[in-house]
Amino acid sequence: MRGIYLTELTEKSRRKAFMFRKIILLTVGALSLCQCNTLRSDCEAIAKREAEIAQEQPGNYFIGRRYYVPYTRFWGYLREPGQSWRTAKLVIMDEKQCRQPDRGPERPLPGAVFGTDHNVEYIIRGSYTNEEAYEPNTNQPLPVFRLTGFEVKNRKPGFLFYPSERYSDKMLTLQPKFMPTPERCATCR
């Protein structure tokens, strides 16, 4: 009797293991299909936006997107007109000639709110100083940009790098390196 019981137990274990593997494979397959659908829609939206960016007038200015994370010293991302957001640089603003948008006091008054312009797109005038400044909360050196002027381009420009991105006000979560490349987009067509 003892041998029969072990055989039955082993057969039950095999069936459970087979079902478990089957469920895992189905789940992975379903997730990869969803990811491909998300990637495909992200890529389509990026391609549409990059076609619009290609129509921008060349000139001596930058396109800036405010990216606010509390307790950090960077301002946001800058790119040249006509260039993809893939080329954008996270910058620290030098305010010797002009104060940056949404600039509040260093020691906030009670009830003061910062970052009210998060994700606002600007036309930015100025130049890189060829210096870097250390941003301690993200532990990285960043290029310094000397601001000479700005104007609001779009208060609600939508996504920064890709449509399904998720912003967190706790850390730097959005970076050009996460933007799907054209080669990656081609895998889901």
Protein backbone atom coordinates (compact mmCIF):
# COMPACT_ATOMS: atom_id res chain seq x y z
CA MET A 1 0.00 0.00 0.00
CA ARG A 2 2.77 2.35 0.83
CA GLY A 3 4.20 2.25 -2.72
CA ILE A 4 0.79 3.07 -4.25
CA TYR A 5 0.36 6.08 -1.97
CA LEU A 6 3.77 7.51 -2.97
CA THR A 7 2.98 6.98 -6.64
CA GLU A 8 -0.37 8.77 -6.30
CA LEU A 9 1.27 11.61 -4.40
CA THR A 10 3.96 11.93 -7.04
CA GLU A 11 1.35 11.95 -9.82
CA LYS A 12 -0.62 14.69 -8.00
CA SER A 13 2.58 16.70 -7.58
CA ARG A 14 3.37 16.34 -11.27
CA ARG A 15 -0.12 17.51 -12.26
CA LYS A 16 0.12 20.51 -9.92
CA ALA A 17 3.56 21.40 -11.24
CA PHE A 18 2.30 21.09 -14.83
CA MET A 19 -0.71 23.33 -14.10
CA PHE A 20 1.52 25.82 -12.30
CA ARG A 21 3.90 25.99 -15.30
CA LYS A 22 0.94 26.34 -17.67
CA ILE A 23 -0.47 29.25 -15.63
CA ILE A 24 2.94 30.95 -15.53
CA LEU A 25 3.40 30.61 -19.30
CA LEU A 26 -0.10 31.94 -20.02
CA THR A 27 0.46 34.87 -17.66
CA VAL A 28 3.83 35.73 -19.21
CA GLY A 29 2.33 35.46 -22.70
CA ALA A 30 -0.58 37.73 -21.81
CA LEU A 31 1.74 40.29 -20.20
CA SER A 32 4.05 40.35 -23.20
CA LEU A 33 1.08 40.96 -25.50
CA CYS A 34 -0.05 43.83 -23.28
CA GLN A 35 3.47 45.25 -23.19
CA CYS A 36 3.71 45.08 -26.95
CA ASN A 37 0.36 46.87 -27.30
CA THR A 38 1.52 49.57 -24.87
CA LEU A 39 4.86 49.87 -26.64
CA ARG A 40 3.13 50.08 -30.02
CA SER A 41 0.82 52.89 -28.87
CA ASP A 42 3.75 54.67 -27.16
CA CYS A 43 5.80 54.43 -30.36
CA GLU A 44 2.96 55.77 -32.51
CA ALA A 45 2.48 58.76 -30.17
CA ILE A 46 6.24 59.42 -30.05
CA ALA A 47 6.49 59.29 -33.85
CA LYS A 48 3.59 61.75 -34.19
CA ARG A 49 5.15 64.14 -31.68
CA GLU A 50 8.61 63.86 -33.26
CA ALA A 51 7.09 64.80 -36.63
CA GLU A 52 5.66 67.95 -34.95
CA ILE A 53 9.03 68.70 -33.30
CA ALA A 54 10.77 68.42 -36.69
CA GLN A 55 8.63 71.36 -37.88
CA GLU A 56 9.93 73.73 -35.16
CA GLN A 57 11.69 76.86 -36.36
CA PRO A 58 15.47 76.74 -35.92
CA GLY A 59 16.90 79.50 -33.80
CA ASN A 60 18.92 80.62 -30.84
CA TYR A 61 16.63 79.19 -28.16
CA PHE A 62 15.82 75.93 -26.38
CA ILE A 63 12.65 74.06 -25.54
CA GLY A 64 12.43 73.40 -21.82
CA ARG A 65 10.16 71.14 -19.85
CA ARG A 66 9.90 71.80 -16.13
CA TYR A 67 10.44 68.63 -14.11
CA TYR A 68 9.78 69.17 -10.43
CA VAL A 69 10.88 66.79 -7.68
CA PRO A 70 10.90 68.21 -4.13
CA TYR A 71 14.29 68.80 -2.47
CA THR A 72 16.23 68.66 -5.74
CA ARG A 73 18.13 71.54 -7.34
CA PHE A 74 17.64 70.76 -11.01
CA TRP A 75 15.15 72.75 -13.05
CA GLY A 76 14.09 70.32 -15.77
CA TYR A 77 14.97 69.17 -19.27
CA LEU A 78 16.22 71.24 -22.22
CA ARG A 79 16.50 70.30 -25.87
CA GLU A 80 17.34 72.24 -29.01
CA PRO A 81 14.50 73.16 -31.42
CA GLY A 82 13.82 70.42 -33.95
CA GLN A 83 15.61 67.81 -31.80
CA SER A 84 13.94 64.82 -30.14
CA TRP A 85 13.41 64.66 -26.39
CA ARG A 86 15.92 61.76 -26.58
CA THR A 87 18.61 64.48 -26.75
CA ALA A 88 17.28 66.42 -23.74
CA LYS A 89 19.56 67.26 -20.82
CA LEU A 90 18.52 67.61 -17.20
CA VAL A 91 19.91 71.00 -16.14
CA ILE A 92 20.54 73.24 -13.19
CA MET A 93 19.67 76.88 -13.91
CA ASP A 94 22.10 79.73 -13.28
CA GLU A 95 19.91 82.70 -12.35
CA LYS A 96 22.52 85.47 -12.42
CA GLN A 97 20.76 87.23 -15.31
CA CYS A 98 17.18 86.02 -14.99
CA ARG A 99 15.15 84.17 -12.37
CA GLN A 100 13.75 80.84 -13.48
CA PRO A 101 10.00 80.27 -13.91
CA ASP A 102 8.00 79.55 -10.74
CA ARG A 103 10.87 80.77 -8.57
CA GLY A 104 9.98 80.93 -4.90
CA PRO A 105 11.96 82.02 -1.86
CA GLU A 106 14.71 79.69 -0.55
CA ARG A 107 13.04 79.67 2.85
CA PRO A 108 9.40 79.13 1.97
CA LEU A 109 6.69 81.01 3.72
CA PRO A 110 4.05 78.91 5.48
CA GLY A 111 1.68 77.51 2.89
CA ALA A 112 4.08 78.21 -0.01
CA VAL A 113 3.71 75.84 -2.94
CA PHE A 114 6.55 74.96 -5.32
CA GLY A 115 6.57 73.17 -8.61
CA THR A 116 3.23 74.56 -9.74
CA ASP A 117 4.69 74.63 -13.25
CA HIS A 118 5.62 70.93 -13.30
CA ASN A 119 5.46 69.64 -16.90
CA VAL A 120 4.92 73.12 -18.39
CA GLU A 121 6.81 73.58 -21.64
CA TYR A 122 8.81 76.78 -22.16
CA ILE A 123 10.79 78.56 -24.83
CA ILE A 124 14.07 79.14 -23.00
CA ARG A 125 16.75 81.65 -23.90
CA GLY A 126 20.31 81.50 -22.66
CA SER A 127 23.33 79.25 -23.00
CA TYR A 128 25.21 76.44 -21.34
CA THR A 129 28.08 77.66 -19.16
CA ASN A 130 30.27 74.59 -19.89
CA GLU A 131 30.26 73.94 -16.14
CA GLU A 132 28.62 71.21 -14.11
CA ALA A 133 27.04 71.44 -10.67
CA TYR A 134 26.58 68.52 -8.33
CA GLU A 135 22.97 67.71 -7.48
CA PRO A 136 23.21 65.92 -4.11
CA ASN A 137 19.75 64.36 -3.96
CA THR A 138 20.17 62.54 -7.28
CA ASN A 139 23.92 62.07 -6.79
CA GLN A 140 24.93 63.34 -10.20
CA PRO A 141 26.74 66.24 -11.82
CA LEU A 142 24.47 68.19 -14.17
CA PRO A 143 25.16 70.84 -16.82
CA VAL A 144 24.58 74.44 -15.78
CA PHE A 145 22.45 76.61 -18.05
CA ARG A 146 22.56 80.43 -17.74
CA LEU A 147 19.00 81.65 -18.24
CA THR A 148 18.44 85.01 -19.95
CA GLY A 149 14.70 84.75 -20.66
CA PHE A 150 11.71 82.47 -21.08
CA GLU A 151 8.10 82.34 -22.20
CA VAL A 152 5.43 79.70 -21.76
CA LYS A 153 5.00 77.58 -24.88
CA ASN A 154 2.41 75.07 -23.65
CA ARG A 155 0.86 74.64 -20.20
CA LYS A 156 -0.37 71.09 -20.90
CA PRO A 157 2.04 69.49 -23.38
CA GLY A 158 1.32 65.88 -22.38
CA PHE A 159 3.96 63.21 -21.89
CA LEU A 160 7.65 64.03 -21.64
CA PHE A 161 9.44 60.93 -22.99
CA TYR A 162 6.72 58.35 -23.67
CA PRO A 163 2.93 58.26 -23.11
CA SER A 164 2.81 55.40 -20.58
CA GLU A 165 5.48 56.95 -18.33
CA ARG A 166 4.78 57.26 -14.62
CA TYR A 167 5.94 60.36 -12.76
CA SER A 168 6.86 60.21 -9.09
CA ASP A 169 7.47 63.28 -6.95
CA LYS A 170 9.73 61.17 -4.72
CA MET A 171 12.63 60.64 -7.14
CA LEU A 172 13.93 61.18 -10.64
CA THR A 173 11.83 58.71 -12.65
CA LEU A 174 11.64 60.18 -16.14
CA GLN A 175 14.79 60.13 -18.24
CA PRO A 176 15.49 60.11 -21.99
CA LYS A 177 17.19 56.72 -21.69
CA PHE A 178 13.79 55.14 -20.95
CA MET A 179 12.29 56.46 -24.19
CA PRO A 180 11.82 53.53 -26.60
CA THR A 181 14.25 53.61 -29.51
CA PRO A 182 13.04 53.28 -33.11
CA GLU A 183 14.63 49.78 -33.15
CA ARG A 184 12.65 48.77 -30.05
CA CYS A 185 9.48 50.16 -31.60
CA ALA A 186 10.04 48.03 -34.71
CA THR A 187 9.83 44.82 -32.61
CA CYS A 188 6.09 45.29 -31.95
CA ARG A 189 4.82 46.16 -35.44
